[in-house]
PDB file of N, CA and C in Angstrom:
ATOM      1  N   UNK A   1    -144.345 109.619 109.561  1.00  0.00           N
ATOM      2  CA  UNK A   1    -145.396 109.687 108.370  1.00  0.00           C
ATOM      3  C   UNK A   1    -146.076 108.754 108.094  1.00  0.00           C
ATOM      4  N   UNK A   2    -147.342 109.178 107.684  1.00  0.00           N
ATOM      5  CA  UNK A   2    -148.543 108.013 107.230  1.00  0.00           C
ATOM      6  C   UNK A   2    -149.165 108.307 106.093  1.00  0.00           C
ATOM      7  N   UNK A   3    -149.821 107.141 105.813  1.00  0.00           N
ATOM      8  CA  UNK A   3    -150.297 107.004 104.542  1.00  0.00           C
ATOM      9  C   UNK A   3    -151.610 107.170 104.208  1.00  0.00           C
ATOM     10  N   UNK A   4    -152.132 108.240 103.509  1.00  0.00           N
ATOM     11  CA  UNK A   4    -153.734 108.144 103.229  1.00  0.00           C
ATOM     12  C   UNK A   4    -153.949 107.570 101.756  1.00  0.00           C
ATOM     13  N   UNK A   5    -155.170 107.188 101.809  1.00  0.00           N
ATOM     14  CA  UNK A   5    -155.897 106.578 100.837  1.00  0.00           C
ATOM     15  C   UNK A   5    -157.463 107.108 100.320  1.00  0.00           C
ATOM     16  N   UNK A   6    -157.666 107.290  99.375  1.00  0.00           N
ATOM     17  CA  UNK A   6    -158.821 107.943  98.985  1.00  0.00           C
ATOM     18  C   UNK A   6    -159.988 106.741  98.685  1.00  0.00           C
ATOM     19  N   UNK A   7    -161.136 106.995  99.191  1.00  0.00           N
ATOM     20  CA  UNK A   7    -162.140 106.088  99.338  1.00  0.00           C
ATOM     21  C   UNK A   7    -163.115 106.723  98.504  1.00  0.00           C
ATOM     22  N   UNK A   8    -164.076 106.032  97.901  1.00  0.00           N
ATOM     23  CA  UNK A   8    -165.158 106.550  97.113  1.00  0.00           C
ATOM     24  C   UNK A   8    -166.618 106.547  97.846  1.00  0.00           C
ATOM     25  N   UNK A   9    -167.613 107.093  97.573  1.00  0.00           N
ATOM     26  CA  UNK A   9    -168.920 106.999  98.061  1.00  0.00           C
ATOM     27  C   UNK A   9    -169.940 106.671  96.961  1.00  0.00           C
ATOM     28  N   UNK A  10    -171.171 106.398  97.411  1.00  0.00           N
ATOM     29  CA  UNK A  10    -171.864 106.200  96.190  1.00  0.00           C
ATOM     30  C   UNK A  10    -172.375 107.137  95.380  1.00  0.00           C
ATOM     31  N   UNK A  11    -172.354 107.390  94.070  1.00  0.00           N
ATOM     32  CA  UNK A  11    -172.890 108.629  93.594  1.00  0.00           C
ATOM     33  C   UNK A  11    -174.223 108.982  93.604  1.00  0.00           C
ATOM     34  N   UNK A  12    -174.454 110.157  93.970  1.00  0.00           N
ATOM     35  CA  UNK A  12    -175.885 110.928  94.160  1.00  0.00           C
ATOM     36  C   UNK A  12    -175.902 112.111  93.532  1.00  0.00           C
ATOM     37  N   UNK A  13    -176.900 112.680  93.061  1.00  0.00           N
ATOM     38  CA  UNK A  13    -177.130 114.121  92.458  1.00  0.00           C
ATOM     39  C   UNK A  13    -176.917 114.214  91.303  1.00  0.00           C
ATOM     40  N   UNK A  14    -176.916 115.417  90.604  1.00  0.00           N
ATOM     41  CA  UNK A  14    -177.061 115.387  89.086  1.00  0.00           C
ATOM     42  C   UNK A  14    -175.559 115.442  88.423  1.00  0.00           C
ATOM     43  N   UNK A  15    -175.800 115.472  87.168  1.00  0.00           N
ATOM     44  CA  UNK A  15    -174.382 115.167  86.273  1.00  0.00           C
ATOM     45  C   UNK A  15    -174.301 116.778  85.735  1.00  0.00           C
ATOM     46  N   UNK A  16    -172.923 117.274  85.846  1.00  0.00           N
ATOM     47  CA  UNK A  16    -172.644 118.537  85.324  1.00  0.00           C
ATOM     48  C   UNK A  16    -172.209 118.077  83.898  1.00  0.00           C
ATOM     49  N   UNK A  17    -172.729 118.601  82.840  1.00  0.00           N
ATOM     50  CA  UNK A  17    -172.340 117.892  81.396  1.00  0.00           C
ATOM     51  C   UNK A  17    -171.029 118.603  81.092  1.00  0.00           C
ATOM     52  N   UNK A  18    -170.768 119.664  81.696  1.00  0.00           N
ATOM     53  CA  UNK A  18    -169.632 120.603  81.182  1.00  0.00           C
ATOM     54  C   UNK A  18    -168.231 120.079  81.619  1.00  0.00           C
ATOM     55  N   UNK A  19    -168.264 119.274  82.856  1.00  0.00           N
ATOM     56  CA  UNK A  19    -167.171 118.858  83.687  1.00  0.00           C
ATOM     57  C   UNK A  19    -167.121 117.061  83.895  1.00  0.00           C
ATOM     58  N   UNK A  20    -168.474 116.714  83.399  1.00  0.00           N
ATOM     59  CA  UNK A  20    -168.396 115.135  83.238  1.00  0.00           C
ATOM     60  C   UNK A  20    -168.716 114.816  84.863  1.00  0.00           C
ATOM     61  N   UNK A  21    -168.841 115.694  86.038  1.00  0.00           N
ATOM     62  CA  UNK A  21    -168.979 115.436  87.253  1.00  0.00           C
ATOM     63  C   UNK A  21    -170.399 115.098  87.936  1.00  0.00           C
ATOM     64  N   UNK A  22    -170.465 114.404  89.126  1.00  0.00           N
ATOM     65  CA  UNK A  22    -171.577 114.836  89.687  1.00  0.00           C
ATOM     66  C   UNK A  22    -171.962 115.780  90.377  1.00  0.00           C
ATOM     67  N   UNK A  23    -172.498 116.596  90.731  1.00  0.00           N
ATOM     68  CA  UNK A  23    -173.026 117.647  91.556  1.00  0.00           C
ATOM     69  C   UNK A  23    -173.078 116.954  92.685  1.00  0.00           C
ATOM     70  N   UNK A  24    -172.976 117.614  94.086  1.00  0.00           N
ATOM     71  CA  UNK A  24    -173.232 117.156  95.439  1.00  0.00           C
ATOM     72  C   UNK A  24    -172.815 115.876  95.532  1.00  0.00           C
ATOM     73  N   UNK A  25    -171.447 115.347  94.986  1.00  0.00           N
ATOM     74  CA  UNK A  25    -170.585 114.080  95.324  1.00  0.00           C
ATOM     75  C   UNK A  25    -169.081 114.616  95.415  1.00  0.00           C
ATOM     76  N   UNK A  26    -168.953 114.441  96.855  1.00  0.00           N
ATOM     77  CA  UNK A  26    -167.428 114.490  97.064  1.00  0.00           C
ATOM     78  C   UNK A  26    -166.356 113.988  95.863  1.00  0.00           C
ATOM     79  N   UNK A  27    -165.544 115.008  95.363  1.00  0.00           N
ATOM     80  CA  UNK A  27    -164.891 114.676  94.511  1.00  0.00           C
ATOM     81  C   UNK A  27    -162.981 114.365  95.126  1.00  0.00           C
ATOM     82  N   UNK A  28    -163.101 114.677  96.165  1.00  0.00           N
ATOM     83  CA  UNK A  28    -161.769 114.179  97.055  1.00  0.00           C
ATOM     84  C   UNK A  28    -162.641 114.042  98.391  1.00  0.00           C
ATOM     85  N   UNK A  29    -161.885 112.654  98.604  1.00  0.00           N
ATOM     86  CA  UNK A  29    -162.423 112.631 100.469  1.00  0.00           C
ATOM     87  C   UNK A  29    -160.930 111.476 100.835  1.00  0.00           C
ATOM     88  N   UNK A  30    -160.425 112.120 101.693  1.00  0.00           N
ATOM     89  CA  UNK A  30    -159.045 111.297 102.026  1.00  0.00           C
ATOM     90  C   UNK A  30    -159.233 111.314 103.575  1.00  0.00           C
ATOM     91  N   UNK A  31    -158.750 109.840 103.811  1.00  0.00           N
ATOM     92  CA  UNK A  31    -158.924 109.445 105.313  1.00  0.00           C
ATOM     93  C   UNK A  31    -157.446 109.040 105.717  1.00  0.00           C
ATOM     94  N   UNK A  32    -156.883 109.508 106.480  1.00  0.00           N
ATOM     95  CA  UNK A  32    -155.403 108.791 107.016  1.00  0.00           C
ATOM     96  C   UNK A  32    -155.778 107.344 107.874  1.00  0.00           C
ATOM     97  N   UNK A  33    -155.101 106.293 107.432  1.00  0.00           N
ATOM     98  CA  UNK A  33    -155.160 105.085 108.407  1.00  0.00           C
ATOM     99  C   UNK A  33    -155.211 105.194 109.763  1.00  0.00           C
ATOM    100  N   UNK A  34    -153.908 106.016 110.063  1.00  0.00           N
ATOM    101  CA  UNK A  34    -153.560 106.077 111.490  1.00  0.00           C
ATOM    102  C   UNK A  34    -154.614 107.281 112.213  1.00  0.00           C
ATOM    103  N   UNK A  35    -155.106 108.315 111.512  1.00  0.00           N
ATOM    104  CA  UNK A  35    -155.882 109.318 112.237  1.00  0.00           C
ATOM    105  C   UNK A  35    -157.001 109.389 111.366  1.00  0.00           C
ATOM    106  N   UNK A  36    -158.036 108.734 111.443  1.00  0.00           N
ATOM    107  CA  UNK A  36    -159.243 108.799 110.415  1.00  0.00           C
ATOM    108  C   UNK A  36    -159.971 109.627 110.672  1.00  0.00           C
ATOM    109  N   UNK A  37    -160.075 110.576 111.790  1.00  0.00           N
ATOM    110  CA  UNK A  37    -160.800 111.630 112.092  1.00  0.00           C
ATOM    111  C   UNK A  37    -160.324 112.704 110.980  1.00  0.00           C
ATOM    112  N   UNK A  38    -159.104 112.740 110.684  1.00  0.00           N
ATOM    113  CA  UNK A  38    -158.538 113.866 110.221  1.00  0.00           C
ATOM    114  C   UNK A  38    -158.376 113.708 108.566  1.00  0.00           C
ATOM    115  N   UNK A  39    -159.308 114.555 107.774  1.00  0.00           N
ATOM    116  CA  UNK A  39    -159.372 114.196 106.569  1.00  0.00           C
ATOM    117  C   UNK A  39    -159.884 115.722 106.078  1.00  0.00           C
ATOM    118  N   UNK A  40    -160.106 115.560 104.655  1.00  0.00           N
ATOM    119  CA  UNK A  40    -160.437 117.051 103.796  1.00  0.00           C
ATOM    120  C   UNK A  40    -161.581 116.248 102.645  1.00  0.00           C
ATOM    121  N   UNK A  41    -162.505 116.872 102.774  1.00  0.00           N
ATOM    122  CA  UNK A  41    -163.790 116.660 101.872  1.00  0.00           C
ATOM    123  C   UNK A  41    -163.928 117.788 101.043  1.00  0.00           C
ATOM    124  N   UNK A  42    -163.989 117.424  99.789  1.00  0.00           N
ATOM    125  CA  UNK A  42    -164.184 118.599  98.885  1.00  0.00           C
ATOM    126  C   UNK A  42    -165.571 118.006  97.856  1.00  0.00           C
ATOM    127  N   UNK A  43    -166.458 118.873  97.846  1.00  0.00           N
ATOM    128  CA  UNK A  43    -167.698 118.599  96.969  1.00  0.00           C
ATOM    129  C   UNK A  43    -168.091 120.049  96.361  1.00  0.00           C
ATOM    130  N   UNK A  44    -168.480 119.224  94.748  1.00  0.00           N
ATOM    131  CA  UNK A  44    -169.048 120.180  94.057  1.00  0.00           C
ATOM    132  C   UNK A  44    -170.430 120.313  94.236  1.00  0.00           C
ATOM    133  N   UNK A  45    -170.772 121.672  94.391  1.00  0.00           N
ATOM    134  CA  UNK A  45    -172.083 122.309  94.986  1.00  0.00           C
ATOM    135  C   UNK A  45    -172.727 123.019  94.038  1.00  0.00           C
ATOM    136  N   UNK A  46    -171.884 123.470  93.213  1.00  0.00           N
ATOM    137  CA  UNK A  46    -172.490 124.061  92.132  1.00  0.00           C
ATOM    138  C   UNK A  46    -171.519 124.189  90.837  1.00  0.00           C
ATOM    139  N   UNK A  47    -172.195 123.793  89.803  1.00  0.00           N
ATOM    140  CA  UNK A  47    -171.535 124.228  88.397  1.00  0.00           C
ATOM    141  C   UNK A  47    -172.278 124.511  87.207  1.00  0.00           C
ATOM    142  N   UNK A  48    -171.692 125.480  86.659  1.00  0.00           N
ATOM    143  CA  UNK A  48    -172.458 125.960  85.203  1.00  0.00           C
ATOM    144  C   UNK A  48    -171.315 126.183  84.470  1.00  0.00           C
ATOM    145  N   UNK A  49    -171.576 126.560  83.049  1.00  0.00           N
ATOM    146  CA  UNK A  49    -170.676 127.084  82.209  1.00  0.00           C
ATOM    147  C   UNK A  49    -169.895 128.224  82.495  1.00  0.00           C
ATOM    148  N   UNK A  50    -170.287 128.802  83.231  1.00  0.00           N
ATOM    149  CA  UNK A  50    -169.220 130.083  83.773  1.00  0.00           C
ATOM    150  C   UNK A  50    -168.628 129.903  85.272  1.00  0.00           C
ATOM    151  N   UNK A  51    -169.180 128.853  86.109  1.00  0.00           N
ATOM    152  CA  UNK A  51    -168.755 129.164  87.382  1.00  0.00           C
ATOM    153  C   UNK A  51    -168.949 127.596  88.037  1.00  0.00           C
ATOM    154  N   UNK A  52    -167.991 127.407  89.121  1.00  0.00           N
ATOM    155  CA  UNK A  52    -167.803 126.170  89.803  1.00  0.00           C
ATOM    156  C   UNK A  52    -167.678 126.636  91.248  1.00  0.00           C
ATOM    157  N   UNK A  53    -168.685 125.985  91.791  1.00  0.00           N
ATOM    158  CA  UNK A  53    -168.113 126.195  93.430  1.00  0.00           C
ATOM    159  C   UNK A  53    -167.930 124.768  94.301  1.00  0.00           C
ATOM    160  N   UNK A  54    -166.982 125.171  95.045  1.00  0.00           N
ATOM    161  CA  UNK A  54    -166.614 123.781  95.682  1.00  0.00           C
ATOM    162  C   UNK A  54    -166.810 123.816  97.279  1.00  0.00           C
ATOM    163  N   UNK A  55    -167.298 122.962  97.934  1.00  0.00           N
ATOM    164  CA  UNK A  55    -167.559 123.245  99.373  1.00  0.00           C
ATOM    165  C   UNK A  55    -165.974 122.308 100.068  1.00  0.00           C
ATOM    166  N   UNK A  56    -165.588 123.103 100.919  1.00  0.00           N
ATOM    167  CA  UNK A  56    -164.309 122.530 101.356  1.00  0.00           C
ATOM    168  C   UNK A  56    -164.421 122.219 102.973  1.00  0.00           C
ATOM    169  N   UNK A  57    -164.504 120.894 103.346  1.00  0.00           N
ATOM    170  CA  UNK A  57    -164.314 120.586 104.965  1.00  0.00           C
ATOM    171  C   UNK A  57    -163.620 119.763 105.317  1.00  0.00           C
ATOM    172  N   UNK A  58    -163.248 120.124 106.624  1.00  0.00           N
ATOM    173  CA  UNK A  58    -162.464 119.446 107.026  1.00  0.00           C
ATOM    174  C   UNK A  58    -161.091 120.204 107.373  1.00  0.00           C
ATOM    175  N   UNK A  59    -159.931 119.534 107.276  1.00  0.00           N
ATOM    176  CA  UNK A  59    -158.419 119.991 107.574  1.00  0.00           C
ATOM    177  C   UNK A  59    -157.644 120.351 106.271  1.00  0.00           C
ATOM    178  N   UNK A  60    -157.035 121.202 105.796  1.00  0.00           N
ATOM    179  CA  UNK A  60    -156.266 121.610 104.861  1.00  0.00           C
ATOM    180  C   UNK A  60    -154.871 121.597 105.350  1.00  0.00           C
ATOM    181  N   UNK A  61    -154.338 120.671 105.656  1.00  0.00           N
ATOM    182  CA  UNK A  61    -152.967 120.874 106.205  1.00  0.00           C
ATOM    183  C   UNK A  61    -152.492 119.376 105.450  1.00  0.00           C
ATOM    184  N   UNK A  62    -150.835 119.173 105.986  1.00  0.00           N
ATOM    185  CA  UNK A  62    -150.262 118.240 105.265  1.00  0.00           C
ATOM    186  C   UNK A  62    -150.388 118.002 103.500  1.00  0.00           C
ATOM    187  N   UNK A  63    -150.893 116.644 103.315  1.00  0.00           N
ATOM    188  CA  UNK A  63    -151.111 115.987 102.071  1.00  0.00           C
ATOM    189  C   UNK A  63    -152.111 116.549 101.806  1.00  0.00           C
ATOM    190  N   UNK A  64    -153.151 116.856 102.291  1.00  0.00           N
ATOM    191  CA  UNK A  64    -154.339 117.363 101.854  1.00  0.00           C
ATOM    192  C   UNK A  64    -154.284 118.857 101.094  1.00  0.00           C
ATOM    193  N   UNK A  65    -153.360 119.764 101.350  1.00  0.00           N
ATOM    194  CA  UNK A  65    -152.829 120.762 100.626  1.00  0.00           C
ATOM    195  C   UNK A  65    -153.315 120.519  99.581  1.00  0.00           C
ATOM    196  N   UNK A  66    -152.049 119.465  98.908  1.00  0.00           N
ATOM    197  CA  UNK A  66    -152.074 119.233  97.470  1.00  0.00           C
ATOM    198  C   UNK A  66    -153.323 118.747  96.762  1.00  0.00           C
ATOM    199  N   UNK A  67    -153.975 117.921  97.817  1.00  0.00           N
ATOM    200  CA  UNK A  67    -155.352 117.261  97.142  1.00  0.00           C
ATOM    201  C   UNK A  67    -156.469 118.715  96.821  1.00  0.00           C
ATOM    202  N   UNK A  68    -155.978 119.716  97.691  1.00  0.00           N
ATOM    203  CA  UNK A  68    -156.931 120.516  97.330  1.00  0.00           C
ATOM    204  C   UNK A  68    -156.374 121.623  96.141  1.00  0.00           C
ATOM    205  N   UNK A  69    -155.241 121.873  96.014  1.00  0.00           N
ATOM    206  CA  UNK A  69    -154.741 122.375  94.696  1.00  0.00           C
ATOM    207  C   UNK A  69    -154.971 121.573  93.661  1.00  0.00           C
ATOM    208  N   UNK A  70    -155.082 120.324  93.680  1.00  0.00           N
ATOM    209  CA  UNK A  70    -155.411 119.430  92.530  1.00  0.00           C
ATOM    210  C   UNK A  70    -156.670 119.760  92.175  1.00  0.00           C
ATOM    211  N   UNK A  71    -157.658 119.566  93.065  1.00  0.00           N
ATOM    212  CA  UNK A  71    -159.365 119.892  92.960  1.00  0.00           C
ATOM    213  C   UNK A  71    -159.142 121.149  92.067  1.00  0.00           C
ATOM    214  N   UNK A  72    -158.753 122.199  92.376  1.00  0.00           N
ATOM    215  CA  UNK A  72    -158.983 123.591  91.891  1.00  0.00           C
ATOM    216  C   UNK A  72    -158.308 123.449  90.651  1.00  0.00           C
ATOM    217  N   UNK A  73    -157.251 122.914  90.014  1.00  0.00           N
ATOM    218  CA  UNK A  73    -156.751 122.755  88.806  1.00  0.00           C
ATOM    219  C   UNK A  73    -158.026 121.850  87.856  1.00  0.00           C
ATOM    220  N   UNK A  74    -158.660 121.268  88.481  1.00  0.00           N
ATOM    221  CA  UNK A  74    -159.472 120.223  87.550  1.00  0.00           C
ATOM    222  C   UNK A  74    -160.124 121.440  86.759  1.00  0.00           C
ATOM    223  N   UNK A  75    -160.502 122.348  87.746  1.00  0.00           N
ATOM    224  CA  UNK A  75    -162.014 123.450  87.278  1.00  0.00           C
ATOM    225  C   UNK A  75    -161.395 124.508  86.493  1.00  0.00           C
ATOM    226  N   UNK A  76    -160.021 124.598  86.506  1.00  0.00           N
ATOM    227  CA  UNK A  76    -159.272 125.977  85.486  1.00  0.00           C
ATOM    228  C   UNK A  76    -158.783 125.353  84.672  1.00  0.00           C
ATOM    229  N   UNK A  77    -159.029 126.211  83.471  1.00  0.00           N
ATOM    230  CA  UNK A  77    -158.024 125.722  82.224  1.00  0.00           C
ATOM    231  C   UNK A  77    -158.272 126.871  81.326  1.00  0.00           C
ATOM    232  N   UNK A  78    -157.841 126.252  80.204  1.00  0.00           N
ATOM    233  CA  UNK A  78    -158.558 127.265  79.126  1.00  0.00           C
ATOM    234  C   UNK A  78    -159.511 128.414  79.186  1.00  0.00           C
ATOM    235  N   UNK A  79    -160.599 127.671  79.300  1.00  0.00           N
ATOM    236  CA  UNK A  79    -161.883 128.303  79.397  1.00  0.00           C
ATOM    237  C   UNK A  79    -162.131 129.365  80.257  1.00  0.00           C
ATOM    238  N   UNK A  80    -162.552 130.501  80.247  1.00  0.00           N
ATOM    239  CA  UNK A  80    -162.642 131.521  81.661  1.00  0.00           C
ATOM    240  C   UNK A  80    -163.807 130.923  82.450  1.00  0.00           C
ATOM    241  N   UNK A  81    -163.678 130.327  83.577  1.00  0.00           N
ATOM    242  CA  UNK A  81    -164.855 129.825  84.606  1.00  0.00           C
ATOM    243  C   UNK A  81    -164.272 130.360  86.028  1.00  0.00           C
ATOM    244  N   UNK A  82    -165.169 130.897  86.571  1.00  0.00           N
ATOM    245  CA  UNK A  82    -164.924 131.468  88.112  1.00  0.00           C
ATOM    246  C   UNK A  82    -165.265 130.062  88.868  1.00  0.00           C
ATOM    247  N   UNK A  83    -163.996 129.932  89.497  1.00  0.00           N
ATOM    248  CA  UNK A  83    -164.030 129.037  90.688  1.00  0.00           C
ATOM    249  C   UNK A  83    -164.254 129.592  92.129  1.00  0.00           C
ATOM    250  N   UNK A  84    -165.086 129.203  92.888  1.00  0.00           N
ATOM    251  CA  UNK A  84    -165.284 129.564  94.029  1.00  0.00           C
ATOM    252  C   UNK A  84    -165.107 128.241  95.545  1.00  0.00           C
ATOM    253  N   UNK A  85    -164.445 128.940  96.346  1.00  0.00           N
ATOM    254  CA  UNK A  85    -164.449 127.825  97.351  1.00  0.00           C
ATOM    255  C   UNK A  85    -165.432 128.118  98.763  1.00  0.00           C
ATOM    256  N   UNK A  86    -166.013 127.431  99.327  1.00  0.00           N
ATOM    257  CA  UNK A  86    -167.135 127.810 100.328  1.00  0.00           C
ATOM    258  C   UNK A  86    -166.105 126.897 101.380  1.00  0.00           C
ATOM    259  N   UNK A  87    -165.795 127.769 102.531  1.00  0.00           N
ATOM    260  CA  UNK A  87    -164.868 127.419 103.647  1.00  0.00           C
ATOM    261  C   UNK A  87    -165.144 127.561 104.676  1.00  0.00           C
ATOM    262  N   UNK A  88    -166.796 127.384 104.765  1.00  0.00           N
ATOM    263  CA  UNK A  88    -167.234 127.645 106.474  1.00  0.00           C
ATOM    264  C   UNK A  88    -166.905 126.479 107.509  1.00  0.00           C
ATOM    265  N   UNK A  89    -166.599 125.303 106.566  1.00  0.00           N
ATOM    266  CA  UNK A  89    -166.470 124.213 107.479  1.00  0.00           C
ATOM    267  C   UNK A  89    -165.216 123.776 107.547  1.00  0.00           C
ATOM    268  N   UNK A  90    -164.283 124.466 107.337  1.00  0.00           N
ATOM    269  CA  UNK A  90    -162.813 124.124 107.414  1.00  0.00           C
ATOM    270  C   UNK A  90    -162.661 124.356 108.957  1.00  0.00           C
ATOM    271  N   UNK A  91    -162.088 123.088 109.520  1.00  0.00           N
ATOM    272  CA  UNK A  91    -161.574 123.190 111.022  1.00  0.00           C
ATOM    273  C   UNK A  91    -160.345 123.274 111.618  1.00  0.00           C
ATOM    274  N   UNK A  92    -159.158 123.129 110.169  1.00  0.00           N
ATOM    275  CA  UNK A  92    -157.761 123.364 110.546  1.00  0.00           C
ATOM    276  C   UNK A  92    -157.401 123.763 109.266  1.00  0.00           C
ATOM    277  N   UNK A  93    -155.918 124.675 109.601  1.00  0.00           N
ATOM    278  CA  UNK A  93    -155.631 124.772 108.126  1.00  0.00           C
ATOM    279  C   UNK A  93    -153.901 125.535 108.866  1.00  0.00           C
ATOM    280  N   UNK A  94    -153.330 124.653 108.283  1.00  0.00           N
ATOM    281  CA  UNK A  94    -151.327 124.779 108.567  1.00  0.00           C
ATOM    282  C   UNK A  94    -151.087 125.757 107.695  1.00  0.00           C
ATOM    283  N   UNK A  95    -149.668 126.066 107.893  1.00  0.00           N
ATOM    284  CA  UNK A  95    -149.056 127.157 107.190  1.00  0.00           C
ATOM    285  C   UNK A  95    -149.011 127.065 105.776  1.00  0.00           C
ATOM    286  N   UNK A  96    -149.202 125.871 105.257  1.00  0.00           N
ATOM    287  CA  UNK A  96    -148.783 125.274 103.738  1.00  0.00           C
ATOM    288  C   UNK A  96    -150.435 125.644 103.129  1.00  0.00           C
ATOM    289  N   UNK A  97    -151.392 125.162 103.864  1.00  0.00           N
ATOM    290  CA  UNK A  97    -152.465 125.118 103.687  1.00  0.00           C
ATOM    291  C   UNK A  97    -153.048 127.058 103.387  1.00  0.00           C
ATOM    292  N   UNK A  98    -152.412 127.812 104.362  1.00  0.00           N
ATOM    293  CA  UNK A  98    -152.678 129.376 104.238  1.00  0.00           C
ATOM    294  C   UNK A  98    -152.369 129.561 103.032  1.00  0.00           C
ATOM    295  N   UNK A  99    -151.042 129.294 102.747  1.00  0.00           N
ATOM    296  CA  UNK A  99    -150.392 129.887 101.488  1.00  0.00           C
ATOM    297  C   UNK A  99    -150.865 129.350 100.514  1.00  0.00           C
ATOM    298  N   UNK A 100    -151.685 128.245 100.267  1.00  0.00           N
ATOM    299  CA  UNK A 100    -152.254 127.591  98.875  1.00  0.00           C
ATOM    300  C   UNK A 100    -153.326 128.650  99.019  1.00  0.00           C
ATOM    301  N   UNK A 101    -154.049 128.769  99.876  1.00  0.00           N
ATOM    302  CA  UNK A 101    -155.327 129.522  99.708  1.00  0.00           C
ATOM    303  C   UNK A 101    -154.982 131.041  99.197  1.00  0.00           C
ATOM    304  N   UNK A 102    -153.889 131.618  99.968  1.00  0.00           N
ATOM    305  CA  UNK A 102    -153.628 133.008  99.560  1.00  0.00           C
ATOM    306  C   UNK A 102    -153.147 133.089  97.907  1.00  0.00           C
ATOM    307  N   UNK A 103    -152.453 131.653  97.735  1.00  0.00           N
ATOM    308  CA  UNK A 103    -152.141 131.745  96.158  1.00  0.00           C
ATOM    309  C   UNK A 103    -153.390 131.690  95.269  1.00  0.00           C
ATOM    310  N   UNK A 104    -154.302 130.728  95.732  1.00  0.00           N
ATOM    311  CA  UNK A 104    -155.577 130.469  94.920  1.00  0.00           C
ATOM    312  C   UNK A 104    -156.208 131.715  94.861  1.00  0.00           C
ATOM    313  N   UNK A 105    -156.599 132.504  96.035  1.00  0.00           N
ATOM    314  CA  UNK A 105    -156.986 133.979  96.069  1.00  0.00           C
ATOM    315  C   UNK A 105    -156.462 134.832  94.754  1.00  0.00           C
ATOM    316  N   UNK A 106    -155.039 134.680  94.903  1.00  0.00           N
ATOM    317  CA  UNK A 106    -154.206 135.810  93.889  1.00  0.00           C
ATOM    318  C   UNK A 106    -154.500 135.671  92.588  1.00  0.00           C
ATOM    319  N   UNK A 107    -155.076 134.246  92.267  1.00  0.00           N
ATOM    320  CA  UNK A 107    -155.044 133.510  90.858  1.00  0.00           C
ATOM    321  C   UNK A 107    -156.659 133.763  90.048  1.00  0.00           C
ATOM    322  N   UNK A 108    -157.386 134.356  91.388  1.00  0.00           N
ATOM    323  CA  UNK A 108    -158.625 134.965  90.998  1.00  0.00           C
ATOM    324  C   UNK A 108    -159.419 133.870  91.572  1.00  0.00           C
ATOM    325  N   UNK A 109    -159.431 132.953  92.322  1.00  0.00           N
ATOM    326  CA  UNK A 109    -160.290 131.959  93.178  1.00  0.00           C
ATOM    327  C   UNK A 109    -161.108 132.423  94.355  1.00  0.00           C
ATOM    328  N   UNK A 110    -162.542 132.832  93.923  1.00  0.00           N
ATOM    329  CA  UNK A 110    -163.006 133.182  95.312  1.00  0.00           C
ATOM    330  C   UNK A 110    -163.242 132.741  96.254  1.00  0.00           C
ATOM    331  N   UNK A 111    -163.068 133.071  97.415  1.00  0.00           N
ATOM    332  CA  UNK A 111    -162.811 132.316  98.541  1.00  0.00           C
ATOM    333  C   UNK A 111    -164.371 133.167  99.521  1.00  0.00           C
ATOM    334  N   UNK A 112    -165.359 132.369  99.454  1.00  0.00           N
ATOM    335  CA  UNK A 112    -166.529 132.671 100.140  1.00  0.00           C
ATOM    336  C   UNK A 112    -166.850 131.724 101.678  1.00  0.00           C
ATOM    337  N   UNK A 113    -167.769 132.463 102.094  1.00  0.00           N
ATOM    338  CA  UNK A 113    -168.229 131.741 103.454  1.00  0.00           C
ATOM    339  C   UNK A 113    -167.092 131.565 104.544  1.00  0.00           C
ATOM    340  N   UNK A 114    -166.177 132.417 104.614  1.00  0.00           N
ATOM    341  CA  UNK A 114    -164.768 132.289 105.082  1.00  0.00           C
ATOM    342  C   UNK A 114    -165.238 132.304 106.630  1.00  0.00           C
ATOM    343  N   UNK A 115    -165.126 131.693 107.405  1.00  0.00           N
ATOM    344  CA  UNK A 115    -165.115 131.583 109.020  1.00  0.00           C
ATOM    345  C   UNK A 115    -164.138 132.689 109.659  1.00  0.00           C
ATOM    346  N   UNK A 116    -164.564 133.081 110.926  1.00  0.00           N
ATOM    347  CA  UNK A 116    -163.520 134.196 111.378  1.00  0.00           C
ATOM    348  C   UNK A 116    -162.372 133.797 111.628  1.00  0.00           C
ATOM    349  N   UNK A 117    -162.248 132.425 112.044  1.00  0.00           N
ATOM    350  CA  UNK A 117    -161.005 131.804 112.163  1.00  0.00           C
ATOM    351  C   UNK A 117    -159.858 131.665 110.912  1.00  0.00           C
ATOM    352  N   UNK A 118    -160.627 131.756 109.867  1.00  0.00           N
ATOM    353  CA  UNK A 118    -159.892 131.577 108.802  1.00  0.00           C
ATOM    354  C   UNK A 118    -159.431 133.109 108.507  1.00  0.00           C
ATOM    355  N   UNK A 119    -160.632 134.023 108.424  1.00  0.00           N
ATOM    356  CA  UNK A 119    -160.185 135.325 108.470  1.00  0.00           C
ATOM    357  C   UNK A 119    -159.119 136.034 109.174  1.00  0.00           C
ATOM    358  N   UNK A 120    -158.893 135.291 110.454  1.00  0.00           N
ATOM    359  CA  UNK A 120    -157.724 135.628 111.220  1.00  0.00           C
ATOM    360  C   UNK A 120    -156.464 135.028 110.974  1.00  0.00           C
ATOM    361  N   UNK A 121    -156.483 134.285 110.295  1.00  0.00           N
ATOM    362  CA  UNK A 121    -155.285 133.366 109.854  1.00  0.00           C
ATOM    363  C   UNK A 121    -154.595 134.001 108.628  1.00  0.00           C
ATOM    364  N   UNK A 122    -155.550 134.389 107.745  1.00  0.00           N
ATOM    365  CA  UNK A 122    -155.383 135.198 106.504  1.00  0.00           C
ATOM    366  C   UNK A 122    -154.553 136.781 106.939  1.00  0.00           C
ATOM    367  N   UNK A 123    -155.098 137.512 107.896  1.00  0.00           N
ATOM    368  CA  UNK A 123    -154.589 138.520 108.283  1.00  0.00           C
ATOM    369  C   UNK A 123    -153.022 138.544 108.887  1.00  0.00           C
ATOM    370  N   UNK A 124    -153.065 137.090 109.460  1.00  0.00           N
ATOM    371  CA  UNK A 124    -151.544 136.837 110.498  1.00  0.00           C
ATOM    372  C   UNK A 124    -150.502 136.869 109.293  1.00  0.00           C
TER     373      UNK A 124
END
């Protein structure tokens, strides 16, 4: 097993008053010490009182599956809000990642800009 450690980047973008976060700023960026090229990046690209869109980039595998689930849970709560995930920049998904994405979709999370690679995995 390998450890992962989060790291932060300089804050850039505009602040979403509803969620208290910076739009355009990665909210989860995790890097493995042993395999630095294998990471997941989740960025808030749109946020309003009714909808939040997160761009997901990299690998949805191993410990990053739970990171994605946690990031989605931050945006769901007692208020009705539409959460969407942009998935066109996802390069790899393992079985747990596919299960997580299907679970999120079944809970009403919109999966948009899905690559042909992911479409094929959802059908399999």
